[in-house]
């Protein structure tokens, strides 16, 4: 057996020959060895993940890592060009092996050889001096060649102690010689152990306190979540109850609207029956009047004609409306005259065809216009004359034909065109266009059949009506006969309020219901307003 430090092998488990050597059976021993550093690293990692600092308080991961951690008592050995044997004796266990590797081999102790050294050191098979020698004088250690003062002699002595018989005596002598130093060494180890035990105890206490606080907070959070969940459930129950109430209200409202619509339909049918009965009575009356005509279809005798005219005047008084109401309706056309630059007291004449009771003539006179009415009803003409209006008893078409061209500022007719046949209406429009001055205004007011009640019933209340004229048709006729700027003006003002109103949009079927309501509430009258082209 050679005593050369460069080739010597320690008699240790696993036959460690040099640093970085292969391991054989020490792995199981190392795995069973308590690794305090690994445990503390695991504890710190778990605390960091949970955001708890070293004192158990919630904090960031950075605060946890940067806090006070447990470290071995001995200070780290810095990297130097050379060391003394005493530099290494301040370290123990795994810390000693790691320091030896870093100082002598310039790398961490992370191979299988370091594990064998640690296992042998813990079992007492070899000493620290022998481990330092094996590392320093290994092939890798010789390449680094880091001097360790005082290592060579003790290393040889430790190697000689392993010789039979002689080694025993050398060991006894060496032990006696080391007794004073061993005593001091034991005291230092005892103090270091006590210090580290206290540090570990403090860490354990902090961890226990932190876990206790965390459990208390978790319990508080659980109770808070339970209360919040109970509140959410209560709110959901309230919302559900409110929704049920709204649904019930909507169902009741829907039923109410259906009942109202059914009632409205019944009322409309009743009104329709009454109007038909009234129309039937008027028809009977007219039939009786016609039977009183002389044989051969000649003209009516004067008393008979006067009786029919008075009857029609009475009819208008009942069904057309009161005089004051009609005046309010026709006042709307004053704006049309003003827009056409037809000024009061301007010397221009406004001609009203079918002037009837003269309400429009009265409004024009009250506002300073010169107006003339044309009608065939002698009784109505006399009433207008009593009020001081300029009226003429004549057929409106014949009267227009007798007028000079470009002589009238405006021609109006309130509910006349529905009384005359279509060919006569065409002639009337042609004559009106001839008689009006350039830029003159034409106003034709008539019942609006877009209103279902008007088109199907009330229009026929007047037995002298022929056919209702749709607004678009009359507008087209006016334009086709040469007028310009023909516009439809649908009229609702001062014509009463509808008996039915649209339902709310949130009512089921509101769109269809409101469309039907619109048929019955459309404006009852309309006017087509047009101009004769101005001279260029």
Protein backbone atom coordinates (compact mmCIF):
# COMPACT_ATOMS: atom_id res chain seq x y z
CA UNK A 1 0.00 0.00 0.00
CA UNK A 2 1.43 3.33 -1.04
CA UNK A 3 1.26 6.33 1.30
CA UNK A 4 1.44 8.84 -1.54
CA UNK A 5 -1.35 11.45 -1.10
CA UNK A 6 -1.85 11.65 -4.83
CA UNK A 7 -2.82 8.00 -5.19
CA UNK A 8 -4.14 7.06 -1.75
CA UNK A 9 -7.66 5.78 -1.32
CA UNK A 10 -9.69 6.17 1.85
CA UNK A 11 -11.00 3.01 3.37
CA UNK A 12 -14.58 4.26 3.27
CA UNK A 13 -17.86 2.70 2.23
CA UNK A 14 -18.15 2.70 -1.50
CA UNK A 15 -14.32 2.84 -1.94
CA UNK A 16 -14.13 6.57 -2.72
CA UNK A 17 -10.94 6.94 -4.71
CA UNK A 18 -11.13 10.59 -5.82
CA UNK A 19 -13.47 13.50 -6.02
CA UNK A 20 -16.06 12.88 -8.65
CA UNK A 21 -15.78 9.08 -8.27
CA UNK A 22 -18.71 6.70 -8.82
CA UNK A 23 -21.11 5.80 -5.98
CA UNK A 24 -21.93 2.23 -5.08
CA UNK A 25 -24.18 1.69 -2.02
CA UNK A 26 -24.34 5.08 -0.29
CA UNK A 27 -27.47 6.40 -2.11
CA UNK A 28 -29.92 4.68 0.21
CA UNK A 29 -28.09 6.03 3.26
CA UNK A 30 -28.08 9.58 1.88
CA UNK A 31 -31.79 9.45 1.00
CA UNK A 32 -32.54 8.42 4.59
CA UNK A 33 -30.43 11.29 5.98
CA UNK A 34 -32.40 14.29 7.36
CA UNK A 35 -31.78 17.31 5.11
CA UNK A 36 -32.73 20.39 7.18
CA UNK A 37 -31.85 22.84 4.41
CA UNK A 38 -34.12 21.05 1.96
CA UNK A 39 -36.97 21.10 4.49
CA UNK A 40 -36.57 24.85 5.09
CA UNK A 41 -36.42 25.54 1.38
CA UNK A 42 -39.65 23.60 0.95
CA UNK A 43 -41.30 25.54 3.81
CA UNK A 44 -40.18 28.91 2.37
CA UNK A 45 -41.46 27.93 -1.07
CA UNK A 46 -44.88 27.01 0.29
CA UNK A 47 -45.07 30.23 2.32
CA UNK A 48 -44.09 32.23 -0.74
CA UNK A 49 -46.80 30.59 -2.83
CA UNK A 50 -49.39 31.52 -0.21
CA UNK A 51 -48.19 35.10 0.13
CA UNK A 52 -47.24 34.80 3.82
CA UNK A 53 -44.05 36.36 5.23
CA UNK A 54 -41.69 34.89 7.83
CA UNK A 55 -43.86 36.20 10.66
CA UNK A 56 -47.02 34.64 9.25
CA UNK A 57 -48.38 37.91 7.81
CA UNK A 58 -49.73 38.08 4.27
CA UNK A 59 -47.20 39.56 1.89
CA UNK A 60 -45.76 39.34 -1.55
CA UNK A 61 -43.45 36.56 -2.70
CA UNK A 62 -40.60 39.02 -2.86
CA UNK A 63 -41.13 40.06 0.75
CA UNK A 64 -41.19 36.42 1.86
CA UNK A 65 -37.96 35.51 0.08
CA UNK A 66 -36.22 38.71 1.19
CA UNK A 67 -37.11 38.21 4.86
CA UNK A 68 -35.00 36.58 7.58
CA UNK A 69 -34.03 33.01 6.63
CA UNK A 70 -32.19 30.34 8.49
CA UNK A 71 -28.51 29.86 7.58
CA UNK A 72 -25.72 27.81 9.19
CA UNK A 73 -23.86 29.68 11.94
CA UNK A 74 -20.45 29.64 10.18
CA UNK A 75 -19.86 32.32 7.59
CA UNK A 76 -19.31 31.29 3.97
CA UNK A 77 -15.72 30.61 2.96
CA UNK A 78 -14.69 33.04 0.21
CA UNK A 79 -12.71 31.89 -2.80
CA UNK A 80 -8.95 32.49 -2.24
CA UNK A 81 -5.61 31.43 -3.69
CA UNK A 82 -4.76 29.30 -0.65
CA UNK A 83 -6.31 28.14 2.63
CA UNK A 84 -5.40 26.73 6.01
CA UNK A 85 -6.70 23.52 7.50
CA UNK A 86 -8.54 25.49 10.19
CA UNK A 87 -10.56 27.34 7.51
CA UNK A 88 -12.46 24.16 6.76
CA UNK A 89 -12.98 22.89 10.30
CA UNK A 90 -15.59 25.62 10.95
CA UNK A 91 -18.05 23.75 8.73
CA UNK A 92 -19.93 20.52 9.30
CA UNK A 93 -21.84 17.85 7.46
CA UNK A 94 -23.11 18.74 3.99
CA UNK A 95 -21.93 22.32 4.47
CA UNK A 96 -18.36 21.03 4.97
CA UNK A 97 -18.41 18.88 1.80
CA UNK A 98 -19.87 21.73 -0.27
CA UNK A 99 -17.26 24.22 1.04
CA UNK A 100 -14.45 21.76 0.30
CA UNK A 101 -15.64 21.25 -3.27
CA UNK A 102 -16.04 24.98 -3.90
CA UNK A 103 -12.65 25.87 -2.40
CA UNK A 104 -10.50 23.03 -3.77
CA UNK A 105 -12.31 22.07 -7.00
CA UNK A 106 -13.90 25.48 -7.75
CA UNK A 107 -17.36 23.96 -8.26
CA UNK A 108 -20.41 22.92 -6.24
CA UNK A 109 -20.61 19.47 -4.68
CA UNK A 110 -23.17 17.98 -6.97
CA UNK A 111 -21.83 14.60 -8.08
CA UNK A 112 -22.12 11.08 -6.71
CA UNK A 113 -18.65 11.28 -5.09
CA UNK A 114 -19.76 14.15 -2.85
CA UNK A 115 -22.69 12.05 -1.65
CA UNK A 116 -20.34 9.20 -0.73
CA UNK A 117 -18.11 11.61 1.18
CA UNK A 118 -21.12 12.94 3.08
CA UNK A 119 -22.41 9.46 3.90
CA UNK A 120 -18.95 8.33 5.09
CA UNK A 121 -18.52 11.49 7.18
CA UNK A 122 -21.89 11.02 8.86
CA UNK A 123 -21.13 7.35 9.62
CA UNK A 124 -17.70 8.24 11.11
CA UNK A 125 -15.86 6.04 8.62
CA UNK A 126 -13.49 8.84 7.60
CA UNK A 127 -12.56 12.18 9.08
CA UNK A 128 -12.71 15.69 7.66
CA UNK A 129 -8.92 15.69 7.19
CA UNK A 130 -9.11 12.56 5.06
CA UNK A 131 -11.94 14.00 2.96
CA UNK A 132 -9.95 17.21 2.41
CA UNK A 133 -6.92 15.15 1.42
CA UNK A 134 -8.87 12.89 -0.91
CA UNK A 135 -10.38 15.92 -2.63
CA UNK A 136 -7.19 18.00 -2.71
CA UNK A 137 -4.96 15.19 -3.96
CA UNK A 138 -7.47 13.73 -6.44
CA UNK A 139 -6.81 14.13 -10.17
CA UNK A 140 -9.29 17.02 -10.37
CA UNK A 141 -7.85 18.59 -7.20
CA UNK A 142 -4.29 18.33 -8.54
CA UNK A 143 -5.37 20.15 -11.70
CA UNK A 144 -6.74 23.04 -9.60
CA UNK A 145 -3.70 22.83 -7.27
CA UNK A 146 -5.16 24.96 -4.47
CA UNK A 147 -2.66 24.99 -1.52
CA UNK A 148 -3.98 24.05 1.93
CA UNK A 149 -1.52 24.88 4.65
CA UNK A 150 -1.16 22.16 7.29
CA UNK A 151 -3.02 19.46 5.33
CA UNK A 152 -0.24 17.14 4.11
CA UNK A 153 1.07 15.98 7.55
CA UNK A 154 -2.28 15.30 9.22
CA UNK A 155 -3.56 13.63 6.06
CA UNK A 156 -0.59 11.19 6.04
CA UNK A 157 -0.99 10.56 9.75
CA UNK A 158 -4.67 9.73 9.26
CA UNK A 159 -3.76 7.39 6.44
CA UNK A 160 -1.11 5.63 8.59
CA UNK A 161 -3.67 5.12 11.33
CA UNK A 162 -5.29 2.60 9.06
CA UNK A 163 -2.16 0.35 9.13
CA UNK A 164 -2.54 -2.88 11.19
CA UNK A 165 -1.20 -2.71 14.84
CA UNK A 166 1.00 0.32 14.21
CA UNK A 167 -2.01 2.31 13.13
CA UNK A 168 -3.72 1.60 16.48
CA UNK A 169 -0.86 3.03 18.51
CA UNK A 170 -0.59 6.01 16.18
CA UNK A 171 -4.31 6.59 16.58
CA UNK A 172 -4.11 6.46 20.37
CA UNK A 173 -1.24 8.92 20.41
CA UNK A 174 -3.00 11.21 18.01
CA UNK A 175 -6.17 11.10 20.09
CA UNK A 176 -4.27 11.99 23.30
CA UNK A 177 -2.56 14.83 21.54
CA UNK A 178 -5.88 16.22 20.30
CA UNK A 179 -7.72 16.09 23.60
CA UNK A 180 -7.28 19.80 24.53
CA UNK A 181 -8.38 20.93 21.09
CA UNK A 182 -11.24 18.47 21.00
CA UNK A 183 -12.67 19.93 24.19
CA UNK A 184 -12.76 23.40 22.68
CA UNK A 185 -14.14 21.94 19.48
CA UNK A 186 -16.94 20.19 21.33
CA UNK A 187 -17.87 23.41 23.13
CA UNK A 188 -18.04 25.27 19.84
CA UNK A 189 -20.13 22.50 18.29
CA UNK A 190 -22.47 22.55 21.28
CA UNK A 191 -22.90 26.33 21.07
CA UNK A 192 -23.47 26.18 17.32
CA UNK A 193 -26.01 23.39 17.70
CA UNK A 194 -27.87 25.30 20.38
CA UNK A 195 -27.94 28.41 18.21
CA UNK A 196 -29.26 26.57 15.21
CA UNK A 197 -31.77 24.68 17.33
CA UNK A 198 -33.09 28.00 18.64
CA UNK A 199 -33.29 29.36 15.08
CA UNK A 200 -35.20 26.31 13.92
CA UNK A 201 -37.50 26.62 16.92
CA UNK A 202 -38.27 30.25 16.10
CA UNK A 203 -38.98 29.30 12.51
CA UNK A 204 -41.29 26.52 13.64
CA UNK A 205 -43.11 28.91 16.01
CA UNK A 206 -43.54 31.51 13.24
CA UNK A 207 -44.77 28.87 10.85
CA UNK A 208 -47.25 27.57 13.43
CA UNK A 209 -48.50 31.10 14.16
CA UNK A 210 -48.77 31.89 10.45
CA UNK A 211 -50.72 28.71 9.81
CA UNK A 212 -53.01 29.43 12.76
CA UNK A 213 -53.69 32.97 11.50
CA UNK A 214 -54.23 31.66 8.01
CA UNK A 215 -56.72 29.10 9.31
CA UNK A 216 -58.56 31.83 11.25
CA UNK A 217 -58.69 34.03 8.17
CA UNK A 218 -59.86 31.09 6.07
CA UNK A 219 -62.62 30.45 8.62
CA UNK A 220 -63.63 34.13 8.56
CA UNK A 221 -63.60 34.09 4.76
CA UNK A 222 -65.70 30.93 4.77
CA UNK A 223 -68.28 32.56 7.05
CA UNK A 224 -68.24 35.74 4.91
CA UNK A 225 -68.72 33.69 1.75
CA UNK A 226 -71.54 31.76 3.40
CA UNK A 227 -73.26 35.03 4.37
CA UNK A 228 -72.69 36.46 0.88
CA UNK A 229 -74.11 33.29 -0.66
CA UNK A 230 -77.16 33.53 1.59
CA UNK A 231 -77.61 37.17 0.50
CA UNK A 232 -77.28 36.23 -3.18
CA UNK A 233 -79.85 33.45 -2.74
CA UNK A 234 -82.18 35.91 -1.01
CA UNK A 235 -81.72 38.45 -3.84
CA UNK A 236 -82.41 35.76 -6.43
CA UNK A 237 -85.57 34.79 -4.59
CA UNK A 238 -86.69 38.44 -4.52
CA UNK A 239 -85.93 38.86 -8.22
CA UNK A 240 -87.83 35.67 -8.98
CA UNK A 241 -90.81 36.90 -6.96
CA UNK A 242 -90.70 40.28 -8.73
CA UNK A 243 -90.48 38.56 -12.12
CA UNK A 244 -93.45 36.37 -11.24
CA UNK A 245 -95.41 39.46 -10.19
CA UNK A 246 -94.52 41.23 -13.45
CA UNK A 247 -95.53 38.16 -15.45
CA UNK A 248 -98.84 38.03 -13.62
CA UNK A 249 -99.39 41.75 -14.20
CA UNK A 250 -98.58 41.36 -17.91
CA UNK A 251 -101.03 38.47 -18.15
CA UNK A 252 -103.72 40.56 -16.46
CA UNK A 253 -102.88 43.54 -18.70
CA UNK A 254 -103.05 41.34 -21.80
CA UNK A 255 -106.43 40.05 -20.70
CA UNK A 256 -107.60 43.62 -20.05
CA UNK A 257 -106.46 44.79 -23.49
CA UNK A 258 -108.17 41.86 -25.14
CA UNK A 259 -111.37 42.68 -23.27
CA UNK A 260 -111.07 46.37 -24.24
CA UNK A 261 -110.47 45.43 -27.88
CA UNK A 262 -113.49 43.12 -27.83
CA UNK A 263 -115.58 45.93 -26.31
CA UNK A 264 -114.31 48.33 -28.98
CA UNK A 265 -115.25 45.90 -31.71
CA UNK A 266 -118.73 45.56 -30.22
CA UNK A 267 -119.13 49.34 -30.07
CA UNK A 268 -117.94 49.72 -33.66
CA UNK A 269 -120.40 47.10 -34.83
CA UNK A 270 -123.16 48.89 -32.91
CA UNK A 271 -122.20 52.28 -34.43
CA UNK A 272 -122.12 50.70 -37.84
CA UNK A 273 -125.62 49.25 -37.39
CA UNK A 274 -126.97 52.62 -36.19
CA UNK A 275 -125.38 54.47 -39.11
CA UNK A 276 -126.77 51.95 -41.57
CA UNK A 277 -130.22 52.38 -40.05
CA UNK A 278 -129.92 56.17 -40.34
CA UNK A 279 -128.75 55.84 -43.95
CA UNK A 280 -131.70 53.58 -44.66
CA UNK A 281 -134.09 56.20 -43.26
CA UNK A 282 -132.48 58.88 -45.41
CA UNK A 283 -132.78 56.65 -48.47
CA UNK A 284 -136.45 56.13 -47.76
CA UNK A 285 -136.84 59.88 -47.43
CA UNK A 286 -135.14 60.50 -50.77
CA UNK A 287 -137.15 57.76 -52.45
CA UNK A 288 -140.32 59.43 -51.22
CA UNK A 289 -139.12 62.78 -52.53
CA UNK A 290 -138.29 61.29 -55.92
CA UNK A 291 -141.76 59.75 -56.16
CA UNK A 292 -143.16 63.25 -55.83
CA UNK A 293 -141.46 64.32 -59.10
CA UNK A 294 -143.87 65.16 -61.91
CA UNK A 295 -144.58 62.49 -64.47
CA UNK A 296 -142.02 62.34 -67.26
CA UNK A 297 -139.12 63.25 -64.95
CA UNK A 298 -139.61 67.00 -65.20
CA UNK A 299 -138.23 69.46 -62.71
CA UNK A 300 -139.50 69.66 -59.19
CA UNK A 301 -142.08 72.24 -58.35
CA UNK A 302 -140.67 75.21 -56.47
CA UNK A 303 -142.22 74.26 -53.09
CA UNK A 304 -140.87 70.74 -53.41
CA UNK A 305 -137.37 71.95 -54.36
CA UNK A 306 -137.34 74.41 -51.47
CA UNK A 307 -138.38 71.64 -49.13
CA UNK A 308 -135.45 69.44 -50.24
CA UNK A 309 -132.97 72.32 -49.97
CA UNK A 310 -134.19 73.05 -46.44
CA UNK A 311 -133.94 69.36 -45.65
CA UNK A 312 -130.29 69.27 -46.83
CA UNK A 313 -129.46 72.42 -44.84
CA UNK A 314 -130.93 70.73 -41.78
CA UNK A 315 -128.90 67.62 -42.59
CA UNK A 316 -125.65 69.65 -42.71
CA UNK A 317 -126.52 71.39 -39.48
CA UNK A 318 -126.79 68.00 -37.77
CA UNK A 319 -124.00 66.02 -39.40
CA UNK A 320 -121.50 68.60 -40.72
CA UNK A 321 -121.04 70.31 -37.36
CA UNK A 322 -121.70 73.63 -35.72
CA UNK A 323 -120.78 76.82 -37.56
CA UNK A 324 -118.08 77.80 -35.03
CA UNK A 325 -116.46 74.38 -35.34
CA UNK A 326 -116.35 74.61 -39.15
CA UNK A 327 -114.78 78.09 -38.94
CA UNK A 328 -112.00 76.72 -36.76
CA UNK A 329 -111.35 73.95 -39.28
CA UNK A 330 -111.15 76.16 -42.39
CA UNK A 331 -108.99 78.82 -40.68
CA UNK A 332 -106.14 76.44 -41.36
CA UNK A 333 -106.11 77.57 -45.02
CA UNK A 334 -105.21 81.18 -44.14
CA UNK A 335 -101.62 79.97 -43.87
CA UNK A 336 -101.84 78.50 -47.39
CA UNK A 337 -102.97 81.87 -48.79
CA UNK A 338 -100.19 83.69 -46.99
CA UNK A 339 -97.62 81.21 -48.32
CA UNK A 340 -98.87 81.97 -51.88
CA UNK A 341 -98.42 85.73 -51.26
CA UNK A 342 -102.18 86.35 -51.45
CA UNK A 343 -102.57 89.29 -49.08
CA UNK A 344 -105.72 90.73 -47.48
CA UNK A 345 -107.09 93.93 -49.07
CA UNK A 346 -104.97 93.21 -52.13
CA UNK A 347 -107.87 93.54 -54.56
CA UNK A 348 -107.66 89.88 -55.59
CA UNK A 349 -110.72 87.62 -55.42
CA UNK A 350 -110.88 84.24 -53.70
CA UNK A 351 -113.59 82.04 -55.24
CA UNK A 352 -115.23 79.38 -53.02
CA UNK A 353 -117.12 76.71 -54.99
CA UNK A 354 -120.00 75.09 -53.10
CA UNK A 355 -119.81 77.74 -50.38
CA UNK A 356 -122.78 76.21 -48.44
CA UNK A 357 -123.43 77.97 -45.15
CA UNK A 358 -120.54 80.39 -45.82
CA UNK A 359 -118.24 79.60 -42.90
CA UNK A 360 -115.12 79.96 -45.09
CA UNK A 361 -116.45 83.19 -46.59
CA UNK A 362 -116.95 84.54 -43.07
CA UNK A 363 -113.38 83.64 -42.03
CA UNK A 364 -111.99 85.31 -45.17
CA UNK A 365 -114.02 88.47 -44.53
CA UNK A 366 -112.89 88.60 -40.89
CA UNK A 367 -109.28 88.61 -42.13
CA UNK A 368 -109.75 91.27 -44.83
CA UNK A 369 -109.95 89.12 -47.97
CA UNK A 370 -112.30 89.71 -50.94
CA UNK A 371 -114.21 86.46 -51.46
CA UNK A 372 -117.17 85.19 -53.51
CA UNK A 373 -119.19 82.03 -52.99
CA UNK A 374 -120.99 79.91 -55.61
CA UNK A 375 -123.77 77.45 -54.70
CA UNK A 376 -127.15 76.14 -55.90
CA UNK A 377 -128.85 75.82 -52.48
CA UNK A 378 -131.06 78.89 -52.27
CA UNK A 379 -131.63 78.57 -48.55
CA UNK A 380 -127.90 78.53 -47.77
CA UNK A 381 -127.26 81.42 -50.16
CA UNK A 382 -129.89 83.51 -48.40
CA UNK A 383 -128.22 82.79 -45.07
CA UNK A 384 -124.86 83.94 -46.51
CA UNK A 385 -126.44 87.08 -47.98
CA UNK A 386 -127.89 87.95 -44.56
CA UNK A 387 -124.36 87.84 -43.20
CA UNK A 388 -123.18 90.22 -45.90
CA UNK A 389 -121.23 87.81 -48.08
CA UNK A 390 -120.88 88.02 -51.87
CA UNK A 391 -122.56 84.86 -53.17
CA UNK A 392 -123.87 83.70 -56.56
CA UNK A 393 -126.56 81.12 -57.26
CA UNK A 394 -125.11 79.06 -60.09
CA UNK A 395 -123.71 75.71 -61.16
CA UNK A 396 -120.02 75.85 -60.25
CA UNK A 397 -118.79 74.48 -63.63
CA UNK A 398 -120.92 76.86 -65.62
CA UNK A 399 -119.81 79.73 -63.45
CA UNK A 400 -116.13 78.91 -64.00
CA UNK A 401 -116.64 78.73 -67.75
CA UNK A 402 -118.01 82.26 -67.67
CA UNK A 403 -114.96 83.72 -65.95
CA UNK A 404 -112.00 85.36 -67.63
CA UNK A 405 -108.70 83.53 -67.81
CA UNK A 406 -106.02 84.36 -65.22
CA UNK A 407 -108.55 86.37 -63.19
CA UNK A 408 -108.81 84.61 -59.80
CA UNK A 409 -106.14 84.45 -57.08
CA UNK A 410 -107.43 81.30 -55.35
CA UNK A 411 -110.16 78.71 -55.93
CA UNK A 412 -111.35 76.67 -52.94
CA UNK A 413 -113.98 73.98 -52.44
CA UNK A 414 -114.88 72.42 -49.10
CA UNK A 415 -116.50 69.00 -49.59
CA UNK A 416 -117.64 69.54 -53.15
CA UNK A 417 -115.65 67.13 -55.34
CA UNK A 418 -117.22 64.01 -53.74
CA UNK A 419 -120.64 65.27 -54.97
CA UNK A 420 -119.83 65.42 -58.71
CA UNK A 421 -119.19 62.69 -61.30
CA UNK A 422 -115.64 62.03 -62.40
CA UNK A 423 -115.98 63.58 -65.90
CA UNK A 424 -117.40 66.75 -64.36
CA UNK A 425 -114.47 66.83 -61.89
CA UNK A 426 -112.04 66.72 -64.81
CA UNK A 427 -113.80 69.66 -66.48
CA UNK A 428 -113.83 71.57 -63.20
CA UNK A 429 -110.06 71.12 -62.80
CA UNK A 430 -109.41 72.26 -66.36
CA UNK A 431 -111.54 75.38 -65.94
CA UNK A 432 -109.98 76.14 -62.56
CA UNK A 433 -106.52 75.98 -64.14
CA UNK A 434 -107.63 78.41 -66.86
CA UNK A 435 -109.30 80.87 -64.51
CA UNK A 436 -106.55 81.03 -61.87
CA UNK A 437 -103.89 83.65 -62.35
CA UNK A 438 -100.25 82.43 -62.63
CA UNK A 439 -99.13 81.29 -59.19
CA UNK A 440 -102.75 81.00 -58.04
CA UNK A 441 -103.80 78.42 -55.44
CA UNK A 442 -106.25 75.51 -55.69
CA UNK A 443 -107.64 73.96 -52.45
CA UNK A 444 -109.88 70.87 -52.62
CA UNK A 445 -111.07 69.45 -49.27
CA UNK A 446 -112.94 66.12 -49.10
CA UNK A 447 -113.59 63.18 -46.72
CA UNK A 448 -110.61 60.84 -46.25
CA UNK A 449 -111.45 57.17 -47.03
CA UNK A 450 -108.13 56.10 -45.43
CA UNK A 451 -110.15 56.27 -42.21
CA UNK A 452 -112.11 52.98 -42.16
CA UNK A 453 -115.18 54.52 -40.51
CA UNK A 454 -115.23 57.37 -43.04
CA UNK A 455 -114.67 55.18 -46.09
CA UNK A 456 -117.15 52.48 -45.07
CA UNK A 457 -119.84 54.41 -43.22
CA UNK A 458 -119.87 58.13 -42.43
CA UNK A 459 -119.14 59.11 -46.05
CA UNK A 460 -122.53 57.68 -47.00
CA UNK A 461 -124.35 59.64 -44.32
CA UNK A 462 -124.74 62.33 -47.00
CA UNK A 463 -127.04 60.81 -49.65
CA UNK A 464 -125.75 63.32 -52.23
CA UNK A 465 -122.22 61.90 -52.01
CA UNK A 466 -121.21 59.78 -55.01
CA UNK A 467 -117.91 58.06 -54.28
CA UNK A 468 -115.07 58.61 -51.81
CA UNK A 469 -111.86 59.75 -53.52
CA UNK A 470 -108.57 58.33 -52.15
CA UNK A 471 -105.96 61.06 -51.46
CA UNK A 472 -103.40 59.72 -53.92
CA UNK A 473 -106.00 59.58 -56.70
CA UNK A 474 -107.09 63.20 -56.25
CA UNK A 475 -103.47 64.33 -56.03
CA UNK A 476 -102.68 62.52 -59.27
CA UNK A 477 -105.72 64.00 -61.05
CA UNK A 478 -104.74 67.54 -60.06
CA UNK A 479 -101.18 67.02 -61.28
CA UNK A 480 -102.36 65.31 -64.48
CA UNK A 481 -104.54 68.33 -65.40
CA UNK A 482 -101.55 70.69 -65.26
CA UNK A 483 -101.23 71.93 -61.67
CA UNK A 484 -97.87 72.03 -59.88
CA UNK A 485 -96.71 71.36 -56.32
CA UNK A 486 -99.77 69.23 -55.57
CA UNK A 487 -99.57 68.11 -51.93
CA UNK A 488 -101.84 66.09 -49.63
CA UNK A 489 -102.74 67.74 -46.30
CA UNK A 490 -104.40 65.22 -43.93
CA UNK A 491 -106.65 67.06 -41.46
CA UNK A 492 -107.38 66.09 -37.85
CA UNK A 493 -107.45 69.42 -36.00
CA UNK A 494 -110.84 70.49 -34.57
CA UNK A 495 -112.39 67.23 -35.77
CA UNK A 496 -112.80 65.55 -32.41
CA UNK A 497 -110.65 63.05 -30.57
CA UNK A 498 -110.55 59.34 -31.46
CA UNK A 499 -112.37 56.98 -29.12
CA UNK A 500 -109.50 54.49 -29.21
CA UNK A 501 -105.79 54.99 -28.65
CA UNK A 502 -102.75 52.82 -29.47
CA UNK A 503 -101.69 50.27 -26.87
CA UNK A 504 -98.24 50.14 -25.28
CA UNK A 505 -95.50 48.47 -27.31
CA UNK A 506 -94.88 45.89 -24.56
CA UNK A 507 -98.40 44.49 -24.96
CA UNK A 508 -98.40 41.18 -26.85
CA UNK A 509 -99.49 41.76 -30.46
CA UNK A 510 -99.12 45.55 -30.06
CA UNK A 511 -97.92 46.05 -33.64
CA UNK A 512 -101.01 44.39 -35.14
CA UNK A 513 -103.39 46.03 -32.66
CA UNK A 514 -101.94 49.51 -33.26
CA UNK A 515 -102.11 49.01 -37.01
CA UNK A 516 -105.81 48.29 -36.70
CA UNK A 517 -106.24 51.29 -34.38
CA UNK A 518 -104.55 53.42 -37.06
CA UNK A 519 -107.19 52.42 -39.60
CA UNK A 520 -109.92 53.78 -37.34
CA UNK A 521 -108.07 56.92 -36.17
CA UNK A 522 -106.69 58.21 -39.48
CA UNK A 523 -107.53 61.90 -40.20
CA UNK A 524 -111.21 62.05 -41.28
CA UNK A 525 -110.61 64.74 -43.94
CA UNK A 526 -107.82 65.73 -46.30
CA UNK A 527 -107.09 68.46 -48.81
CA UNK A 528 -105.10 68.56 -52.02
CA UNK A 529 -103.35 71.92 -52.33
CA UNK A 530 -101.73 72.89 -55.64
CA UNK A 531 -100.49 75.88 -57.63
CA UNK A 532 -100.87 77.09 -61.18
CA UNK A 533 -97.47 77.54 -62.74
CA UNK A 534 -96.11 81.07 -62.57
CA UNK A 535 -95.15 82.87 -65.77
CA UNK A 536 -91.48 82.54 -66.70
